[in-house]
Amino acid sequence: VSERSRLAFPEITVGLFPDVGGSWLLNRVPARAGLFLALTGAPLSAGDAVYAGMADHFIAETQRAGVIAAVCDASWSAQAEDNHRELTALLQGFGQEAPAGPLQTHAARIKALCTHDDLADVAMAIAALEDEDPWLQTAKATLASGAPGSARLGYELQCRAKSLSLADVFRLEYVVALHCAAHGDFFEG
């Protein structure tokens, strides 16, 4: 990721849920922040993407041409593991520490909001959030105006995906997506 990168799971605004493995991926975000992201569609900066485990390296946009040149000049092999090591070393050579974003800055608060045992309590905690931070206020407003069915699905899938393999999560999300396509929230979204 670079300083221009923005990642998000905005499905709550379109009557869907974080699909294509989103339920699996968001379960791995530290401090239950994946649930917050699923419910609010809050965007992640580069620093937050690295913190959340959704990116491995932060590389300044000014380094783009250098990275591409280094990738083109690298000695690649027929062995995937060797190529993985080569690419990781190459990217680490260009990488820098990513500046903390709002997800990381508000990690303790987000964890407190999302540690409740049911969706209604989590939603009420987010709705009661009093903070002037525009990122948190936008997240709160997005949950409030988002599709309630999407919030329920996002929450339930977060709960169910905890113990599933990635392949099983893909299967589960496929079935759920088919049901979403058959009902009104997704069509309206």
N, C-alpha and C. Protein backbone atom coordinates (compact mmCIF):
# COMPACT_ATOMS: atom_id res chain seq x y z
N VAL A 1 0.84 -1.18 0.00
CA VAL A 1 0.00 0.00 0.00
C VAL A 1 0.89 1.24 0.00
N SER A 2 0.32 2.32 -0.42
CA SER A 2 1.02 3.61 -0.41
C SER A 2 0.14 4.62 0.32
N GLU A 3 0.62 5.83 0.42
CA GLU A 3 -0.17 6.87 1.10
C GLU A 3 -1.47 7.18 0.35
N ARG A 4 -1.60 6.74 -0.88
CA ARG A 4 -2.82 6.96 -1.66
C ARG A 4 -3.84 5.83 -1.48
N SER A 5 -3.46 4.75 -0.86
CA SER A 5 -4.34 3.58 -0.73
C SER A 5 -5.49 3.84 0.22
N ARG A 6 -6.66 3.33 -0.15
CA ARG A 6 -7.85 3.35 0.71
C ARG A 6 -8.53 2.01 0.55
N LEU A 7 -8.77 1.33 1.66
CA LEU A 7 -9.46 0.04 1.65
C LEU A 7 -10.72 0.19 2.46
N ALA A 8 -11.77 -0.51 2.08
CA ALA A 8 -13.02 -0.44 2.84
C ALA A 8 -13.91 -1.63 2.52
N PHE A 9 -14.84 -1.87 3.40
CA PHE A 9 -15.88 -2.87 3.23
C PHE A 9 -17.22 -2.13 3.34
N PRO A 10 -17.61 -1.42 2.27
CA PRO A 10 -18.78 -0.55 2.35
C PRO A 10 -20.12 -1.25 2.07
N GLU A 11 -20.14 -2.58 2.16
CA GLU A 11 -21.34 -3.32 1.75
C GLU A 11 -22.59 -2.96 2.55
N ILE A 12 -22.43 -2.46 3.76
CA ILE A 12 -23.61 -2.08 4.55
C ILE A 12 -24.41 -0.99 3.86
N THR A 13 -23.76 -0.23 3.00
CA THR A 13 -24.45 0.85 2.29
C THR A 13 -25.20 0.36 1.07
N VAL A 14 -24.97 -0.90 0.66
CA VAL A 14 -25.63 -1.43 -0.53
C VAL A 14 -26.44 -2.69 -0.25
N GLY A 15 -26.70 -2.97 1.00
CA GLY A 15 -27.55 -4.11 1.33
C GLY A 15 -26.88 -5.45 1.17
N LEU A 16 -25.57 -5.50 1.33
CA LEU A 16 -24.85 -6.76 1.21
C LEU A 16 -24.05 -6.99 2.49
N PHE A 17 -22.97 -7.71 2.44
CA PHE A 17 -22.10 -7.99 3.59
C PHE A 17 -20.68 -8.09 3.05
N PRO A 18 -19.67 -7.97 3.89
CA PRO A 18 -18.29 -8.12 3.40
C PRO A 18 -18.07 -9.55 2.88
N ASP A 19 -18.16 -9.70 1.58
CA ASP A 19 -18.11 -11.02 0.97
C ASP A 19 -16.73 -11.31 0.37
N VAL A 20 -16.65 -12.31 -0.46
CA VAL A 20 -15.42 -12.76 -1.11
C VAL A 20 -14.32 -12.97 -0.06
N GLY A 21 -14.68 -13.65 1.01
CA GLY A 21 -13.74 -13.94 2.08
C GLY A 21 -13.64 -12.85 3.13
N GLY A 22 -14.43 -11.80 3.00
CA GLY A 22 -14.40 -10.70 3.96
C GLY A 22 -14.70 -11.15 5.38
N SER A 23 -15.59 -12.10 5.54
CA SER A 23 -15.92 -12.59 6.88
C SER A 23 -14.71 -13.25 7.53
N TRP A 24 -13.94 -13.94 6.74
CA TRP A 24 -12.72 -14.60 7.23
C TRP A 24 -11.65 -13.55 7.54
N LEU A 25 -11.44 -12.65 6.60
CA LEU A 25 -10.40 -11.63 6.73
C LEU A 25 -10.67 -10.69 7.91
N LEU A 26 -11.90 -10.22 8.04
CA LEU A 26 -12.23 -9.27 9.10
C LEU A 26 -12.13 -9.90 10.49
N ASN A 27 -12.30 -11.21 10.58
CA ASN A 27 -12.14 -11.88 11.86
C ASN A 27 -10.70 -11.85 12.35
N ARG A 28 -9.76 -11.56 11.47
CA ARG A 28 -8.36 -11.56 11.83
C ARG A 28 -7.81 -10.16 12.14
N VAL A 29 -8.66 -9.17 12.05
CA VAL A 29 -8.24 -7.80 12.40
C VAL A 29 -8.15 -7.71 13.92
N PRO A 30 -7.08 -7.11 14.44
CA PRO A 30 -6.91 -7.05 15.90
C PRO A 30 -8.05 -6.34 16.63
N ALA A 31 -8.25 -6.73 17.85
CA ALA A 31 -9.13 -6.05 18.81
C ALA A 31 -10.58 -5.93 18.35
N ARG A 32 -11.09 -6.94 17.67
CA ARG A 32 -12.48 -6.98 17.18
C ARG A 32 -12.83 -5.83 16.24
N ALA A 33 -11.82 -5.18 15.73
CA ALA A 33 -12.07 -4.04 14.84
C ALA A 33 -12.66 -4.48 13.51
N GLY A 34 -12.51 -5.76 13.14
CA GLY A 34 -13.12 -6.24 11.91
C GLY A 34 -14.63 -6.13 11.95
N LEU A 35 -15.21 -6.38 13.11
CA LEU A 35 -16.66 -6.22 13.27
C LEU A 35 -17.05 -4.76 13.05
N PHE A 36 -16.29 -3.86 13.62
CA PHE A 36 -16.54 -2.43 13.44
C PHE A 36 -16.49 -2.07 11.96
N LEU A 37 -15.50 -2.59 11.24
CA LEU A 37 -15.38 -2.29 9.81
C LEU A 37 -16.55 -2.86 9.02
N ALA A 38 -16.99 -4.07 9.39
CA ALA A 38 -18.13 -4.68 8.69
C ALA A 38 -19.41 -3.89 8.90
N LEU A 39 -19.58 -3.36 10.10
CA LEU A 39 -20.82 -2.65 10.43
C LEU A 39 -20.84 -1.20 9.95
N THR A 40 -19.68 -0.60 9.80
CA THR A 40 -19.63 0.83 9.51
C THR A 40 -19.07 1.18 8.13
N GLY A 41 -18.43 0.23 7.47
CA GLY A 41 -17.82 0.53 6.17
C GLY A 41 -16.70 1.55 6.27
N ALA A 42 -16.16 1.78 7.46
CA ALA A 42 -15.12 2.79 7.66
C ALA A 42 -13.90 2.49 6.79
N PRO A 43 -13.38 3.49 6.08
CA PRO A 43 -12.23 3.26 5.21
C PRO A 43 -10.93 3.16 5.99
N LEU A 44 -10.01 2.39 5.43
CA LEU A 44 -8.69 2.22 6.05
C LEU A 44 -7.64 2.96 5.23
N SER A 45 -6.77 3.65 5.93
CA SER A 45 -5.61 4.25 5.29
C SER A 45 -4.54 3.17 5.14
N ALA A 46 -3.43 3.51 4.55
CA ALA A 46 -2.34 2.54 4.37
C ALA A 46 -1.85 2.01 5.72
N GLY A 47 -1.67 2.90 6.68
CA GLY A 47 -1.20 2.48 8.00
C GLY A 47 -2.17 1.53 8.67
N ASP A 48 -3.46 1.81 8.54
CA ASP A 48 -4.48 0.93 9.11
C ASP A 48 -4.53 -0.41 8.37
N ALA A 49 -4.31 -0.39 7.07
CA ALA A 49 -4.31 -1.64 6.30
C ALA A 49 -3.18 -2.56 6.77
N VAL A 50 -2.02 -2.00 7.04
CA VAL A 50 -0.91 -2.79 7.55
C VAL A 50 -1.23 -3.27 8.97
N TYR A 51 -1.72 -2.39 9.81
CA TYR A 51 -2.11 -2.75 11.19
C TYR A 51 -3.15 -3.87 11.20
N ALA A 52 -4.11 -3.79 10.29
CA ALA A 52 -5.20 -4.77 10.25
C ALA A 52 -4.80 -6.08 9.59
N GLY A 53 -3.62 -6.15 9.03
CA GLY A 53 -3.16 -7.36 8.38
C GLY A 53 -3.67 -7.51 6.96
N MET A 54 -4.13 -6.43 6.36
CA MET A 54 -4.64 -6.48 5.00
C MET A 54 -3.61 -6.04 3.97
N ALA A 55 -2.46 -5.64 4.46
CA ALA A 55 -1.33 -5.28 3.59
C ALA A 55 -0.06 -5.66 4.33
N ASP A 56 0.97 -5.96 3.58
CA ASP A 56 2.24 -6.36 4.18
C ASP A 56 3.28 -5.26 4.20
N HIS A 57 3.22 -4.37 3.22
CA HIS A 57 4.27 -3.37 3.10
C HIS A 57 3.68 -2.01 2.78
N PHE A 58 4.27 -0.97 3.39
CA PHE A 58 3.93 0.41 3.05
C PHE A 58 5.11 0.95 2.25
N ILE A 59 4.83 1.36 1.04
CA ILE A 59 5.86 1.89 0.15
C ILE A 59 5.35 3.22 -0.38
N ALA A 60 6.15 4.26 -0.23
CA ALA A 60 5.75 5.60 -0.69
C ALA A 60 5.48 5.58 -2.18
N GLU A 61 4.49 6.34 -2.58
CA GLU A 61 4.09 6.43 -3.99
C GLU A 61 5.27 6.86 -4.87
N THR A 62 6.17 7.67 -4.34
CA THR A 62 7.33 8.12 -5.11
C THR A 62 8.28 6.97 -5.45
N GLN A 63 8.11 5.85 -4.77
CA GLN A 63 8.97 4.68 -5.02
C GLN A 63 8.38 3.72 -6.06
N ARG A 64 7.21 4.02 -6.58
CA ARG A 64 6.52 3.11 -7.49
C ARG A 64 7.41 2.68 -8.67
N ALA A 65 8.01 3.63 -9.37
CA ALA A 65 8.83 3.29 -10.54
C ALA A 65 10.02 2.43 -10.12
N GLY A 66 10.60 2.71 -8.99
CA GLY A 66 11.72 1.90 -8.50
C GLY A 66 11.31 0.48 -8.18
N VAL A 67 10.13 0.32 -7.59
CA VAL A 67 9.62 -1.02 -7.28
C VAL A 67 9.39 -1.80 -8.57
N ILE A 68 8.75 -1.17 -9.53
CA ILE A 68 8.47 -1.85 -10.80
C ILE A 68 9.77 -2.23 -11.50
N ALA A 69 10.74 -1.33 -11.50
CA ALA A 69 12.03 -1.64 -12.12
C ALA A 69 12.72 -2.80 -11.40
N ALA A 70 12.68 -2.79 -10.09
CA ALA A 70 13.31 -3.86 -9.32
C ALA A 70 12.61 -5.20 -9.56
N VAL A 71 11.30 -5.19 -9.67
CA VAL A 71 10.56 -6.43 -9.96
C VAL A 71 10.96 -6.95 -11.36
N CYS A 72 11.07 -6.05 -12.32
CA CYS A 72 11.44 -6.46 -13.68
C CYS A 72 12.88 -6.99 -13.74
N ASP A 73 13.76 -6.44 -12.92
CA ASP A 73 15.17 -6.83 -12.94
C ASP A 73 15.49 -8.04 -12.05
N ALA A 74 14.55 -8.44 -11.22
CA ALA A 74 14.81 -9.54 -10.27
C ALA A 74 15.01 -10.86 -11.02
N SER A 75 15.73 -11.75 -10.37
CA SER A 75 15.95 -13.10 -10.92
C SER A 75 14.87 -14.02 -10.36
N TRP A 76 13.89 -14.33 -11.18
CA TRP A 76 12.79 -15.18 -10.76
C TRP A 76 13.10 -16.62 -11.11
N SER A 77 12.56 -17.54 -10.34
CA SER A 77 12.82 -18.96 -10.57
C SER A 77 11.51 -19.70 -10.84
N ALA A 78 11.60 -20.98 -11.04
CA ALA A 78 10.41 -21.81 -11.23
C ALA A 78 9.81 -22.23 -9.90
N GLN A 79 10.45 -21.87 -8.80
CA GLN A 79 10.01 -22.26 -7.46
C GLN A 79 9.25 -21.12 -6.81
N ALA A 80 7.98 -21.36 -6.52
CA ALA A 80 7.13 -20.32 -5.92
C ALA A 80 7.70 -19.83 -4.59
N GLU A 81 8.21 -20.73 -3.77
CA GLU A 81 8.76 -20.32 -2.46
C GLU A 81 9.95 -19.39 -2.63
N ASP A 82 10.82 -19.68 -3.60
CA ASP A 82 11.97 -18.80 -3.86
C ASP A 82 11.49 -17.43 -4.32
N ASN A 83 10.49 -17.41 -5.19
CA ASN A 83 9.95 -16.14 -5.67
C ASN A 83 9.30 -15.35 -4.55
N HIS A 84 8.62 -16.05 -3.65
CA HIS A 84 8.00 -15.38 -2.50
C HIS A 84 9.08 -14.69 -1.66
N ARG A 85 10.15 -15.41 -1.38
CA ARG A 85 11.24 -14.81 -0.59
C ARG A 85 11.87 -13.62 -1.32
N GLU A 86 12.08 -13.78 -2.62
CA GLU A 86 12.68 -12.71 -3.43
C GLU A 86 11.80 -11.45 -3.42
N LEU A 87 10.50 -11.64 -3.64
CA LEU A 87 9.59 -10.50 -3.67
C LEU A 87 9.47 -9.85 -2.29
N THR A 88 9.40 -10.66 -1.24
CA THR A 88 9.32 -10.10 0.11
C THR A 88 10.55 -9.25 0.42
N ALA A 89 11.74 -9.76 0.10
CA ALA A 89 12.97 -9.00 0.34
C ALA A 89 12.99 -7.72 -0.48
N LEU A 90 12.55 -7.82 -1.72
CA LEU A 90 12.51 -6.65 -2.59
C LEU A 90 11.60 -5.57 -2.01
N LEU A 91 10.39 -5.97 -1.62
CA LEU A 91 9.45 -4.99 -1.07
C LEU A 91 9.91 -4.43 0.26
N GLN A 92 10.51 -5.27 1.09
CA GLN A 92 11.04 -4.78 2.37
C GLN A 92 12.11 -3.72 2.14
N GLY A 93 12.87 -3.88 1.07
CA GLY A 93 13.91 -2.91 0.75
C GLY A 93 13.35 -1.53 0.43
N PHE A 94 12.16 -1.48 -0.09
CA PHE A 94 11.51 -0.20 -0.40
C PHE A 94 10.59 0.28 0.72
N GLY A 95 10.23 -0.63 1.60
CA GLY A 95 9.22 -0.34 2.62
C GLY A 95 9.66 0.66 3.67
N GLN A 96 8.66 1.26 4.28
CA GLN A 96 8.85 2.21 5.38
C GLN A 96 7.80 1.90 6.44
N GLU A 97 7.95 2.52 7.58
CA GLU A 97 6.90 2.37 8.59
C GLU A 97 5.71 3.22 8.18
N ALA A 98 4.54 2.62 8.21
CA ALA A 98 3.33 3.32 7.81
C ALA A 98 2.82 4.20 8.95
N PRO A 99 2.38 5.40 8.63
CA PRO A 99 1.80 6.25 9.68
C PRO A 99 0.49 5.64 10.20
N ALA A 100 0.28 5.73 11.49
CA ALA A 100 -0.94 5.20 12.10
C ALA A 100 -2.15 5.93 11.56
N GLY A 101 -3.19 5.15 11.30
CA GLY A 101 -4.45 5.72 10.84
C GLY A 101 -5.48 5.70 11.95
N PRO A 102 -6.70 6.11 11.67
CA PRO A 102 -7.72 6.20 12.71
C PRO A 102 -8.11 4.87 13.34
N LEU A 103 -8.07 3.78 12.59
CA LEU A 103 -8.40 2.48 13.18
C LEU A 103 -7.41 2.14 14.28
N GLN A 104 -6.16 2.36 14.00
CA GLN A 104 -5.12 2.08 14.99
C GLN A 104 -5.18 3.09 16.14
N THR A 105 -5.40 4.34 15.82
CA THR A 105 -5.47 5.39 16.84
C THR A 105 -6.60 5.14 17.83
N HIS A 106 -7.73 4.66 17.32
CA HIS A 106 -8.92 4.44 18.16
C HIS A 106 -9.12 2.96 18.52
N ALA A 107 -8.07 2.17 18.45
CA ALA A 107 -8.19 0.71 18.64
C ALA A 107 -8.84 0.35 19.98
N ALA A 108 -8.42 0.96 21.06
CA ALA A 108 -8.97 0.61 22.38
C ALA A 108 -10.46 0.96 22.45
N ARG A 109 -10.83 2.09 21.91
CA ARG A 109 -12.24 2.51 21.93
C ARG A 109 -13.09 1.59 21.06
N ILE A 110 -12.59 1.23 19.88
CA ILE A 110 -13.32 0.34 18.98
C ILE A 110 -13.49 -1.04 19.61
N LYS A 111 -12.45 -1.51 20.27
CA LYS A 111 -12.55 -2.80 20.95
C LYS A 111 -13.65 -2.76 22.01
N ALA A 112 -13.70 -1.69 22.77
CA ALA A 112 -14.73 -1.56 23.81
C ALA A 112 -16.14 -1.52 23.19
N LEU A 113 -16.27 -0.86 22.05
CA LEU A 113 -17.57 -0.78 21.38
C LEU A 113 -18.03 -2.15 20.88
N CYS A 114 -17.09 -2.98 20.46
CA CYS A 114 -17.43 -4.23 19.77
C CYS A 114 -17.29 -5.48 20.62
N THR A 115 -17.08 -5.35 21.92
CA THR A 115 -16.93 -6.54 22.75
C THR A 115 -18.26 -7.00 23.35
N HIS A 116 -19.34 -6.34 23.02
CA HIS A 116 -20.64 -6.76 23.52
C HIS A 116 -21.02 -8.11 22.91
N ASP A 117 -21.94 -8.81 23.58
CA ASP A 117 -22.30 -10.17 23.18
C ASP A 117 -23.36 -10.27 22.10
N ASP A 118 -23.98 -9.17 21.71
CA ASP A 118 -24.95 -9.26 20.62
C ASP A 118 -24.93 -7.98 19.79
N LEU A 119 -25.48 -8.10 18.60
CA LEU A 119 -25.45 -6.99 17.65
C LEU A 119 -26.16 -5.75 18.19
N ALA A 120 -27.29 -5.92 18.84
CA ALA A 120 -28.04 -4.75 19.33
C ALA A 120 -27.18 -3.92 20.28
N ASP A 121 -26.44 -4.58 21.15
CA ASP A 121 -25.59 -3.85 22.10
C ASP A 121 -24.41 -3.18 21.39
N VAL A 122 -23.83 -3.85 20.41
CA VAL A 122 -22.74 -3.24 19.64
C VAL A 122 -23.26 -2.02 18.90
N ALA A 123 -24.40 -2.17 18.23
CA ALA A 123 -24.98 -1.05 17.47
C ALA A 123 -25.33 0.12 18.38
N MET A 124 -25.89 -0.18 19.56
CA MET A 124 -26.21 0.90 20.51
C MET A 124 -24.94 1.60 20.99
N ALA A 125 -23.87 0.84 21.23
CA ALA A 125 -22.61 1.45 21.68
C ALA A 125 -22.05 2.37 20.61
N ILE A 126 -22.09 1.91 19.36
CA ILE A 126 -21.60 2.78 18.27
C ILE A 126 -22.50 4.00 18.12
N ALA A 127 -23.81 3.83 18.22
CA ALA A 127 -24.74 4.95 18.10
C ALA A 127 -24.55 5.97 19.21
N ALA A 128 -24.13 5.51 20.38
CA ALA A 128 -23.94 6.42 21.51
C ALA A 128 -22.55 7.06 21.52
N LEU A 129 -21.74 6.72 20.56
CA LEU A 129 -20.37 7.23 20.49
C LEU A 129 -20.36 8.74 20.38
N GLU A 130 -19.70 9.37 21.31
CA GLU A 130 -19.55 10.83 21.30
C GLU A 130 -18.08 11.15 21.13
N ASP A 131 -17.74 11.58 19.96
CA ASP A 131 -16.36 11.93 19.65
C ASP A 131 -16.40 12.86 18.45
N GLU A 132 -15.56 13.84 18.43
CA GLU A 132 -15.53 14.81 17.35
C GLU A 132 -14.76 14.32 16.13
N ASP A 133 -14.06 13.21 16.26
CA ASP A 133 -13.26 12.69 15.16
C ASP A 133 -14.16 12.42 13.94
N PRO A 134 -13.88 13.04 12.80
CA PRO A 134 -14.74 12.87 11.62
C PRO A 134 -14.82 11.41 11.14
N TRP A 135 -13.74 10.65 11.27
CA TRP A 135 -13.74 9.25 10.85
C TRP A 135 -14.73 8.44 11.68
N LEU A 136 -14.72 8.65 12.99
CA LEU A 136 -15.66 7.95 13.87
C LEU A 136 -17.10 8.42 13.63
N GLN A 137 -17.28 9.71 13.42
CA GLN A 137 -18.63 10.23 13.17
C GLN A 137 -19.20 9.69 11.85
N THR A 138 -18.37 9.59 10.83
CA THR A 138 -18.82 9.03 9.56
C THR A 138 -19.16 7.55 9.72
N ALA A 139 -18.35 6.82 10.47
CA ALA A 139 -18.62 5.40 10.72
C ALA A 139 -19.95 5.24 11.45
N LYS A 140 -20.17 6.06 12.45
CA LYS A 140 -21.43 6.02 13.21
C LYS A 140 -22.62 6.31 12.31
N ALA A 141 -22.49 7.33 11.46
CA ALA A 141 -23.59 7.71 10.56
C ALA A 141 -23.84 6.63 9.50
N THR A 142 -22.80 5.99 9.03
CA THR A 142 -22.97 4.94 8.03
C THR A 142 -23.72 3.75 8.61
N LEU A 143 -23.40 3.35 9.83
CA LEU A 143 -24.15 2.27 10.47
C LEU A 143 -25.61 2.68 10.63
N ALA A 144 -25.85 3.90 11.07
CA ALA A 144 -27.22 4.36 11.31
C ALA A 144 -28.05 4.39 10.03
N SER A 145 -27.43 4.70 8.90
CA SER A 145 -28.18 4.81 7.64
C SER A 145 -28.05 3.56 6.78
N GLY A 146 -27.24 2.61 7.20
CA GLY A 146 -27.02 1.40 6.41
C GLY A 146 -28.19 0.43 6.49
N ALA A 147 -28.11 -0.61 5.70
CA ALA A 147 -29.16 -1.63 5.66
C ALA A 147 -29.11 -2.48 6.92
N PRO A 148 -30.18 -2.51 7.71
CA PRO A 148 -30.20 -3.32 8.94
C PRO A 148 -29.92 -4.80 8.68
N GLY A 149 -30.42 -5.31 7.57
CA GLY A 149 -30.16 -6.70 7.23
C GLY A 149 -28.68 -6.96 6.99
N SER A 150 -28.01 -5.98 6.41
CA SER A 150 -26.56 -6.11 6.19
C SER A 150 -25.81 -6.14 7.51
N ALA A 151 -26.24 -5.32 8.44
CA ALA A 151 -25.60 -5.32 9.76
C ALA A 151 -25.79 -6.69 10.43
N ARG A 152 -27.00 -7.23 10.34
CA ARG A 152 -27.25 -8.55 10.94
C ARG A 152 -26.41 -9.63 10.27
N LEU A 153 -26.36 -9.60 8.95
CA LEU A 153 -25.55 -10.59 8.23
C LEU A 153 -24.07 -10.44 8.55
N GLY A 154 -23.58 -9.22 8.52
CA GLY A 154 -22.17 -8.98 8.82
C GLY A 154 -21.81 -9.49 10.20
N TYR A 155 -22.67 -9.21 11.16
CA TYR A 155 -22.42 -9.66 12.54
C TYR A 155 -22.45 -11.19 12.61
N GLU A 156 -23.49 -11.78 12.06
CA GLU A 156 -23.64 -13.24 12.14
C GLU A 156 -22.51 -13.96 11.41
N LEU A 157 -22.12 -13.44 10.27
CA LEU A 157 -21.02 -14.07 9.54
C LEU A 157 -19.70 -13.93 10.29
N GLN A 158 -19.52 -12.81 10.98
CA GLN A 158 -18.32 -12.68 11.81
C GLN A 158 -18.30 -13.76 12.89
N CYS A 159 -19.45 -14.00 13.50
CA CYS A 159 -19.54 -15.03 14.54
C CYS A 159 -19.28 -16.42 13.97
N ARG A 160 -19.89 -16.73 12.84
CA ARG A 160 -19.78 -18.08 12.27
C ARG A 160 -18.42 -18.35 11.64
N ALA A 161 -17.80 -17.34 11.09
CA ALA A 161 -16.55 -17.54 10.36
C ALA A 161 -15.35 -17.77 11.28
N LYS A 162 -15.49 -17.50 12.55
CA LYS A 162 -14.35 -17.64 13.47
C LYS A 162 -13.70 -19.01 13.40
N SER A 163 -14.50 -20.05 13.30
CA SER A 163 -13.95 -21.40 13.36
C SER A 163 -13.90 -22.09 12.00
N LEU A 164 -14.19 -21.36 10.93
CA LEU A 164 -14.22 -21.97 9.61
C LEU A 164 -12.92 -21.73 8.84
N SER A 165 -12.61 -22.64 7.95
CA SER A 165 -11.48 -22.44 7.04
C SER A 165 -11.88 -21.39 6.01
N LEU A 166 -10.90 -20.88 5.29
CA LEU A 166 -11.20 -19.91 4.25
C LEU A 166 -12.11 -20.53 3.18
N ALA A 167 -11.85 -21.77 2.82
CA ALA A 167 -12.70 -22.44 1.81
C ALA A 167 -14.14 -22.55 2.30
N ASP A 168 -14.32 -22.90 3.58
CA ASP A 168 -15.68 -22.99 4.12
C ASP A 168 -16.35 -21.63 4.19
N VAL A 169 -15.58 -20.59 4.47
CA VAL A 169 -16.15 -19.24 4.49
C VAL A 169 -16.61 -18.85 3.09
N PHE A 170 -15.81 -19.17 2.07
CA PHE A 170 -16.23 -18.89 0.69
C PHE A 170 -17.54 -19.60 0.37
N ARG A 171 -17.67 -20.84 0.78
CA ARG A 171 -18.90 -21.58 0.52
C ARG A 171 -20.09 -20.94 1.24
N LEU A 172 -19.89 -20.60 2.51
CA LEU A 172 -20.96 -19.97 3.29
C LEU A 172 -21.37 -18.64 2.67
N GLU A 173 -20.39 -17.81 2.35
CA GLU A 173 -20.70 -16.51 1.77
C GLU A 173 -21.39 -16.63 0.41
N TYR A 174 -21.05 -17.65 -0.35
CA TYR A 174 -21.70 -17.86 -1.64
C TYR A 174 -23.20 -18.10 -1.47
N VAL A 175 -23.53 -18.96 -0.53
CA VAL A 175 -24.94 -19.25 -0.27
C VAL A 175 -25.66 -18.00 0.24
N VAL A 176 -25.03 -17.28 1.15
CA VAL A 176 -25.64 -16.07 1.70
C VAL A 176 -25.82 -15.01 0.60
N ALA A 177 -24.83 -14.88 -0.28
CA ALA A 177 -24.93 -13.90 -1.37
C ALA A 177 -26.09 -14.23 -2.30
N LEU A 178 -26.29 -15.50 -2.57
CA LEU A 178 -27.43 -15.90 -3.41
C LEU A 178 -28.75 -15.48 -2.76
N HIS A 179 -28.86 -15.66 -1.46
CA HIS A 179 -30.08 -15.25 -0.75
C HIS A 179 -30.23 -13.72 -0.76
N CYS A 180 -29.11 -13.02 -0.62
CA CYS A 180 -29.18 -11.55 -0.66
C CYS A 180 -29.69 -11.06 -2.01
N ALA A 181 -29.25 -11.71 -3.08
CA ALA A 181 -29.67 -11.30 -4.42
C ALA A 181 -31.16 -11.54 -4.65
N ALA A 182 -31.72 -12.43 -3.86
CA ALA A 182 -33.14 -12.75 -4.02
C ALA A 182 -34.06 -11.85 -3.21
N HIS A 183 -33.48 -10.98 -2.39
CA HIS A 183 -34.29 -10.14 -1.51
C HIS A 183 -34.04 -8.66 -1.76
N GLY A 184 -34.83 -7.82 -1.15
CA GLY A 184 -34.90 -6.40 -1.49
C GLY A 184 -33.75 -5.50 -1.13
N ASP A 185 -33.07 -5.72 0.00
CA ASP A 185 -32.05 -4.77 0.42
C ASP A 185 -30.94 -4.63 -0.63
N PHE A 186 -30.45 -5.73 -1.15
CA PHE A 186 -29.38 -5.69 -2.13
C PHE A 186 -29.85 -5.02 -3.42
N PHE A 187 -31.04 -5.36 -3.89
CA PHE A 187 -31.59 -4.74 -5.09
C PHE A 187 -31.73 -3.24 -4.90
N GLU A 188 -32.26 -2.84 -3.75
CA GLU A 188 -32.41 -1.41 -3.46
C GLU A 188 -31.06 -0.73 -3.35
N GLY A 189 -30.12 -1.40 -2.70
CA GLY A 189 -28.77 -0.85 -2.54
C GLY A 189 -28.07 -0.65 -3.87
